[in-house]
Amino acid sequence: MANKKRTNIYMIGVGGQGIGLLSEVLIRAADYAELNVRGVDTHGLAQRGGTVQSQLRIGEGIYSPLIQKNSADIVIALERTEALRGIQNYLKEKGTVIYYNTSWQTLDVRLENSEEVSVNDINRAAKKLDAEIIKVYKEDLKETRMQNVVLLGEIVQNNILPEIKRQHYINALQDLMTGDKLDKNIALFKSLVK
């Protein structure tokens, strides 16, 4: 199946949140869907709670994974501060932002030098671009390390990447995990995506 339309996906989170896994799942799922895909991760200070970014491009005629500023069709963020950063730096006009509604407070916030990013901040930034906003939060999530799978479920439920089907994501998860970790993540994903 050839995807003539190009889709640029910019993902951003904080070290420890699982952006790397989410990125790899999307790449493998796109591959299972027989789509041309390119991706690159930037880990930075990931082990110290710093920003982690992934850039993915899906479609024909793509030779580089790098996304130009303000040209991402989709921004996927695992917390509010990074969602705002992704909107301001990468999201294109009329794009889509899908983010997990939590906050990993920056040092400036902890030191009371700046305010924590709010849902209203994200809404205002997205409105300037006439962007679609999908806010995600799972109240009964027992393990915060699985927020990335909750976002993945929302991507499927909202038909964000229509060429990639539910089974493609399951196959990708099976490639990347084993044992109890796989079982828990597959169970969560299936509970979100019927």
C-alpha atoms as a PDB file:
ATOM      1  CA  MET A   1       0.000   0.000   0.000  1.00  0.00           C
ATOM      2  CA  ALA A   2       1.542   3.302  -1.012  1.00  0.00           C
ATOM      3  CA  ASN A   3       0.813   6.426   0.960  1.00  0.00           C
ATOM      4  CA  LYS A   4       1.002   9.312  -1.501  1.00  0.00           C
ATOM      5  CA  LYS A   5       0.320  11.878   1.209  1.00  0.00           C
ATOM      6  CA  ARG A   6       3.244  12.715   3.455  1.00  0.00           C
ATOM      7  CA  THR A   7       2.685  12.858   7.191  1.00  0.00           C
ATOM      8  CA  ASN A   8       5.192  14.512   9.512  1.00  0.00           C
ATOM      9  CA  ILE A   9       4.987  13.441  13.159  1.00  0.00           C
ATOM     10  CA  TYR A  10       6.945  15.207  15.873  1.00  0.00           C
ATOM     11  CA  MET A  11       7.016  13.462  19.258  1.00  0.00           C
ATOM     12  CA  ILE A  12       8.290  14.991  22.459  1.00  0.00           C
ATOM     13  CA  GLY A  13       8.469  13.970  26.084  1.00  0.00           C
ATOM     14  CA  VAL A  14      10.709  13.760  29.112  1.00  0.00           C
ATOM     15  CA  GLY A  15      13.372  11.128  29.687  1.00  0.00           C
ATOM     16  CA  GLY A  16      11.778   8.091  31.284  1.00  0.00           C
ATOM     17  CA  GLN A  17       8.318   8.588  29.769  1.00  0.00           C
ATOM     18  CA  GLY A  18       8.706   6.186  26.867  1.00  0.00           C
ATOM     19  CA  ILE A  19       8.973   8.373  23.769  1.00  0.00           C
ATOM     20  CA  GLY A  20      11.613   6.004  22.363  1.00  0.00           C
ATOM     21  CA  LEU A  21       9.270   3.026  22.640  1.00  0.00           C
ATOM     22  CA  LEU A  22       6.315   4.976  21.236  1.00  0.00           C
ATOM     23  CA  SER A  23       8.434   6.117  18.300  1.00  0.00           C
ATOM     24  CA  GLU A  24       9.658   2.595  17.565  1.00  0.00           C
ATOM     25  CA  VAL A  25       6.102   1.197  17.775  1.00  0.00           C
ATOM     26  CA  LEU A  26       4.890   3.791  15.252  1.00  0.00           C
ATOM     27  CA  ILE A  27       7.807   3.087  12.905  1.00  0.00           C
ATOM     28  CA  ARG A  28       7.268  -0.676  13.025  1.00  0.00           C
ATOM     29  CA  ALA A  29       3.478  -0.366  12.720  1.00  0.00           C
ATOM     30  CA  ALA A  30       3.916   1.838   9.630  1.00  0.00           C
ATOM     31  CA  ASP A  31       6.314  -0.772   8.246  1.00  0.00           C
ATOM     32  CA  TYR A  32       3.750  -3.534   8.878  1.00  0.00           C
ATOM     33  CA  ALA A  33       1.233  -1.372   6.985  1.00  0.00           C
ATOM     34  CA  GLU A  34       3.750  -1.332   4.104  1.00  0.00           C
ATOM     35  CA  LEU A  35       4.240   2.424   4.314  1.00  0.00           C
ATOM     36  CA  ASN A  36       7.484   4.207   3.592  1.00  0.00           C
ATOM     37  CA  VAL A  37       8.703   5.572   6.940  1.00  0.00           C
ATOM     38  CA  ARG A  38      11.789   7.365   8.232  1.00  0.00           C
ATOM     39  CA  GLY A  39      12.496   8.234  11.847  1.00  0.00           C
ATOM     40  CA  VAL A  40      15.156   9.679  14.118  1.00  0.00           C
ATOM     41  CA  ASP A  41      15.382  10.155  17.893  1.00  0.00           C
ATOM     42  CA  THR A  42      17.171  12.862  19.849  1.00  0.00           C
ATOM     43  CA  HIS A  43      17.778  11.735  23.402  1.00  0.00           C
ATOM     44  CA  GLY A  44      19.660  14.687  24.899  1.00  0.00           C
ATOM     45  CA  LEU A  45      19.502  14.501  28.688  1.00  0.00           C
ATOM     46  CA  ALA A  46      16.971  11.690  28.656  1.00  0.00           C
ATOM     47  CA  GLN A  47      18.403   9.891  31.668  1.00  0.00           C
ATOM     48  CA  ARG A  48      18.215  13.099  33.723  1.00  0.00           C
ATOM     49  CA  GLY A  49      14.611  13.981  32.932  1.00  0.00           C
ATOM     50  CA  GLY A  50      15.507  16.164  29.944  1.00  0.00           C
ATOM     51  CA  THR A  51      13.634  16.516  26.685  1.00  0.00           C
ATOM     52  CA  VAL A  52      13.446  13.525  24.348  1.00  0.00           C
ATOM     53  CA  GLN A  53      12.315  14.064  20.763  1.00  0.00           C
ATOM     54  CA  SER A  54      11.469  11.789  17.859  1.00  0.00           C
ATOM     55  CA  GLN A  55      10.736  12.783  14.309  1.00  0.00           C
ATOM     56  CA  LEU A  56       8.877  10.470  11.931  1.00  0.00           C
ATOM     57  CA  ARG A  57       7.916  10.983   8.342  1.00  0.00           C
ATOM     58  CA  ILE A  58       5.527   8.658   6.532  1.00  0.00           C
ATOM     59  CA  GLY A  59       4.762   8.622   2.801  1.00  0.00           C
ATOM     60  CA  GLU A  60       6.373   8.426  -0.612  1.00  0.00           C
ATOM     61  CA  GLY A  61       9.369  10.487  -1.648  1.00  0.00           C
ATOM     62  CA  ILE A  62      10.777  10.850   1.873  1.00  0.00           C
ATOM     63  CA  TYR A  63      14.515  10.520   2.142  1.00  0.00           C
ATOM     64  CA  SER A  64      15.253  12.282   5.435  1.00  0.00           C
ATOM     65  CA  PRO A  65      13.509  11.829   8.782  1.00  0.00           C
ATOM     66  CA  LEU A  66      14.044  15.458   9.790  1.00  0.00           C
ATOM     67  CA  ILE A  67      11.023  17.724  10.055  1.00  0.00           C
ATOM     68  CA  GLN A  68      11.339  21.435   9.329  1.00  0.00           C
ATOM     69  CA  LYS A  69      10.152  23.862  12.004  1.00  0.00           C
ATOM     70  CA  ASN A  70       6.409  24.557  11.880  1.00  0.00           C
ATOM     71  CA  SER A  71       5.731  21.721   9.413  1.00  0.00           C
ATOM     72  CA  ALA A  72       4.594  18.818  11.624  1.00  0.00           C
ATOM     73  CA  ASP A  73       1.131  17.537  10.755  1.00  0.00           C
ATOM     74  CA  ILE A  74       0.947  15.874  14.172  1.00  0.00           C
ATOM     75  CA  VAL A  75       2.607  16.659  17.497  1.00  0.00           C
ATOM     76  CA  ILE A  76       2.478  13.864  20.062  1.00  0.00           C
ATOM     77  CA  ALA A  77       3.537  14.840  23.584  1.00  0.00           C
ATOM     78  CA  LEU A  78       3.747  12.909  26.824  1.00  0.00           C
ATOM     79  CA  GLU A  79       3.293  15.937  29.081  1.00  0.00           C
ATOM     80  CA  ARG A  80       2.065  19.547  28.999  1.00  0.00           C
ATOM     81  CA  THR A  81       5.332  21.525  28.949  1.00  0.00           C
ATOM     82  CA  GLU A  82       6.634  19.464  26.055  1.00  0.00           C
ATOM     83  CA  ALA A  83       3.252  19.698  24.279  1.00  0.00           C
ATOM     84  CA  LEU A  84       3.487  23.486  24.387  1.00  0.00           C
ATOM     85  CA  ARG A  85       7.075  23.378  23.120  1.00  0.00           C
ATOM     86  CA  GLY A  86       6.050  21.056  20.262  1.00  0.00           C
ATOM     87  CA  ILE A  87       3.160  23.315  19.251  1.00  0.00           C
ATOM     88  CA  GLN A  88       5.257  26.476  19.307  1.00  0.00           C
ATOM     89  CA  ASN A  89       8.226  25.011  17.426  1.00  0.00           C
ATOM     90  CA  TYR A  90       6.954  22.257  15.139  1.00  0.00           C
ATOM     91  CA  LEU A  91       3.179  22.135  14.623  1.00  0.00           C
ATOM     92  CA  LYS A  92       1.939  23.512  11.320  1.00  0.00           C
ATOM     93  CA  GLU A  93      -1.217  25.512  10.868  1.00  0.00           C
ATOM     94  CA  LYS A  94      -4.333  23.300  11.092  1.00  0.00           C
ATOM     95  CA  GLY A  95      -2.245  20.421  12.450  1.00  0.00           C
ATOM     96  CA  THR A  96      -3.157  18.069  15.284  1.00  0.00           C
ATOM     97  CA  VAL A  97      -1.701  17.932  18.771  1.00  0.00           C
ATOM     98  CA  ILE A  98      -2.338  14.892  20.932  1.00  0.00           C
ATOM     99  CA  TYR A  99      -0.926  15.043  24.439  1.00  0.00           C
ATOM    100  CA  TYR A 100      -1.023  13.298  27.786  1.00  0.00           C
ATOM    101  CA  ASN A 101      -2.384  15.714  30.381  1.00  0.00           C
ATOM    102  CA  THR A 102       0.273  15.504  33.063  1.00  0.00           C
ATOM    103  CA  SER A 103       3.201  17.657  34.121  1.00  0.00           C
ATOM    104  CA  TRP A 104       6.775  16.765  34.909  1.00  0.00           C
ATOM    105  CA  GLN A 105       7.685  20.049  36.494  1.00  0.00           C
ATOM    106  CA  THR A 106      10.761  21.755  35.151  1.00  0.00           C
ATOM    107  CA  LEU A 107      13.452  23.011  37.491  1.00  0.00           C
ATOM    108  CA  ASP A 108      12.253  26.599  36.940  1.00  0.00           C
ATOM    109  CA  VAL A 109       8.761  25.632  38.122  1.00  0.00           C
ATOM    110  CA  ARG A 110      10.136  23.802  41.151  1.00  0.00           C
ATOM    111  CA  LEU A 111      12.243  26.837  42.045  1.00  0.00           C
ATOM    112  CA  GLU A 112       9.142  29.029  41.576  1.00  0.00           C
ATOM    113  CA  ASN A 113      10.822  31.073  38.831  1.00  0.00           C
ATOM    114  CA  SER A 114       8.046  30.286  36.349  1.00  0.00           C
ATOM    115  CA  GLU A 115       4.487  28.990  36.249  1.00  0.00           C
ATOM    116  CA  GLU A 116       3.601  25.419  35.391  1.00  0.00           C
ATOM    117  CA  VAL A 117       2.196  24.987  31.868  1.00  0.00           C
ATOM    118  CA  SER A 118      -1.587  24.647  32.005  1.00  0.00           C
ATOM    119  CA  VAL A 119      -4.204  23.173  29.685  1.00  0.00           C
ATOM    120  CA  ASN A 120      -5.235  26.770  28.902  1.00  0.00           C
ATOM    121  CA  ASP A 121      -1.674  27.574  27.742  1.00  0.00           C
ATOM    122  CA  ILE A 122      -1.838  24.643  25.332  1.00  0.00           C
ATOM    123  CA  ASN A 123      -5.308  25.608  24.129  1.00  0.00           C
ATOM    124  CA  ARG A 124      -4.213  29.204  23.422  1.00  0.00           C
ATOM    125  CA  ALA A 125      -1.103  28.105  21.496  1.00  0.00           C
ATOM    126  CA  ALA A 126      -3.084  25.573  19.446  1.00  0.00           C
ATOM    127  CA  LYS A 127      -5.850  28.093  18.717  1.00  0.00           C
ATOM    128  CA  LYS A 128      -3.304  30.458  17.121  1.00  0.00           C
ATOM    129  CA  LEU A 129      -2.626  27.698  14.581  1.00  0.00           C
ATOM    130  CA  ASP A 130      -6.262  26.613  14.268  1.00  0.00           C
ATOM    131  CA  ALA A 131      -5.024  23.181  15.390  1.00  0.00           C
ATOM    132  CA  GLU A 132      -7.041  20.217  16.574  1.00  0.00           C
ATOM    133  CA  ILE A 133      -6.334  19.336  20.224  1.00  0.00           C
ATOM    134  CA  ILE A 134      -6.719  15.865  21.699  1.00  0.00           C
ATOM    135  CA  LYS A 135      -6.121  15.850  25.445  1.00  0.00           C
ATOM    136  CA  VAL A 136      -5.567  12.394  26.939  1.00  0.00           C
ATOM    137  CA  TYR A 137      -5.596  11.216  30.532  1.00  0.00           C
ATOM    138  CA  LYS A 138      -6.431   7.810  32.030  1.00  0.00           C
ATOM    139  CA  GLU A 139      -7.550   8.203  35.634  1.00  0.00           C
ATOM    140  CA  ASP A 140      -7.119   4.564  36.647  1.00  0.00           C
ATOM    141  CA  LEU A 141      -3.722   3.962  35.002  1.00  0.00           C
ATOM    142  CA  LYS A 142      -1.767   1.955  37.568  1.00  0.00           C
ATOM    143  CA  GLU A 143       1.652   2.324  35.974  1.00  0.00           C
ATOM    144  CA  THR A 144       2.696   5.760  34.710  1.00  0.00           C
ATOM    145  CA  ARG A 145       5.287   4.171  32.419  1.00  0.00           C
ATOM    146  CA  MET A 146       2.350   3.026  30.268  1.00  0.00           C
ATOM    147  CA  GLN A 147       1.155   6.551  29.407  1.00  0.00           C
ATOM    148  CA  ASN A 148       2.741   6.078  25.974  1.00  0.00           C
ATOM    149  CA  VAL A 149       0.444   3.105  25.281  1.00  0.00           C
ATOM    150  CA  VAL A 150      -2.559   5.170  26.383  1.00  0.00           C
ATOM    151  CA  LEU A 151      -1.541   7.805  23.815  1.00  0.00           C
ATOM    152  CA  LEU A 152      -1.074   5.072  21.215  1.00  0.00           C
ATOM    153  CA  GLY A 153      -4.620   3.871  21.905  1.00  0.00           C
ATOM    154  CA  GLU A 154      -5.956   7.406  21.410  1.00  0.00           C
ATOM    155  CA  ILE A 155      -4.065   7.726  18.132  1.00  0.00           C
ATOM    156  CA  VAL A 156      -5.871   4.606  16.893  1.00  0.00           C
ATOM    157  CA  GLN A 157      -9.278   5.537  18.367  1.00  0.00           C
ATOM    158  CA  ASN A 158      -9.119   8.990  16.745  1.00  0.00           C
ATOM    159  CA  ASN A 159      -7.995   7.506  13.405  1.00  0.00           C
ATOM    160  CA  ILE A 160      -4.955   9.808  13.365  1.00  0.00           C
ATOM    161  CA  LEU A 161      -3.028   7.472  11.043  1.00  0.00           C
ATOM    162  CA  PRO A 162      -5.802   5.703   9.097  1.00  0.00           C
ATOM    163  CA  GLU A 163      -3.486   3.547   6.979  1.00  0.00           C
ATOM    164  CA  ILE A 164      -2.111   1.849  10.103  1.00  0.00           C
ATOM    165  CA  LYS A 165      -4.513  -0.685  11.601  1.00  0.00           C
ATOM    166  CA  ARG A 166      -4.922  -2.067  15.122  1.00  0.00           C
ATOM    167  CA  GLN A 167      -3.124  -5.322  14.308  1.00  0.00           C
ATOM    168  CA  HIS A 168      -0.112  -3.448  12.923  1.00  0.00           C
ATOM    169  CA  TYR A 169       0.367  -1.815  16.335  1.00  0.00           C
ATOM    170  CA  ILE A 170      -0.050  -5.132  18.129  1.00  0.00           C
ATOM    171  CA  ASN A 171       2.574  -6.711  15.864  1.00  0.00           C
ATOM    172  CA  ALA A 172       4.939  -3.823  16.618  1.00  0.00           C
ATOM    173  CA  LEU A 173       4.429  -4.170  20.384  1.00  0.00           C
ATOM    174  CA  GLN A 174       5.116  -7.908  20.086  1.00  0.00           C
ATOM    175  CA  ASP A 175       8.386  -7.141  18.288  1.00  0.00           C
ATOM    176  CA  LEU A 176       9.576  -4.845  21.068  1.00  0.00           C
ATOM    177  CA  MET A 177       8.522  -6.544  24.315  1.00  0.00           C
ATOM    178  CA  THR A 178       8.257  -9.949  25.904  1.00  0.00           C
ATOM    179  CA  GLY A 179       6.792 -11.618  28.965  1.00  0.00           C
ATOM    180  CA  ASP A 180       4.777  -9.750  31.575  1.00  0.00           C
ATOM    181  CA  LYS A 181       5.651  -6.340  30.131  1.00  0.00           C
ATOM    182  CA  LEU A 182       4.231  -7.341  26.746  1.00  0.00           C
ATOM    183  CA  ASP A 183       1.123  -8.895  28.293  1.00  0.00           C
ATOM    184  CA  LYS A 184       0.331  -5.750  30.329  1.00  0.00           C
ATOM    185  CA  ASN A 185       0.890  -3.366  27.429  1.00  0.00           C
ATOM    186  CA  ILE A 186      -1.144  -5.474  24.969  1.00  0.00           C
ATOM    187  CA  ALA A 187      -3.979  -5.787  27.509  1.00  0.00           C
ATOM    188  CA  LEU A 188      -4.011  -2.005  28.036  1.00  0.00           C
ATOM    189  CA  PHE A 189      -3.894  -1.304  24.312  1.00  0.00           C
ATOM    190  CA  LYS A 190      -6.734  -3.744  23.562  1.00  0.00           C
ATOM    191  CA  SER A 191      -8.845  -2.246  26.357  1.00  0.00           C
ATOM    192  CA  LEU A 192      -8.504   1.168  24.677  1.00  0.00           C
ATOM    193  CA  VAL A 193      -8.886   0.070  21.062  1.00  0.00           C
ATOM    194  CA  LYS A 194     -11.851  -2.191  20.387  1.00  0.00           C
END
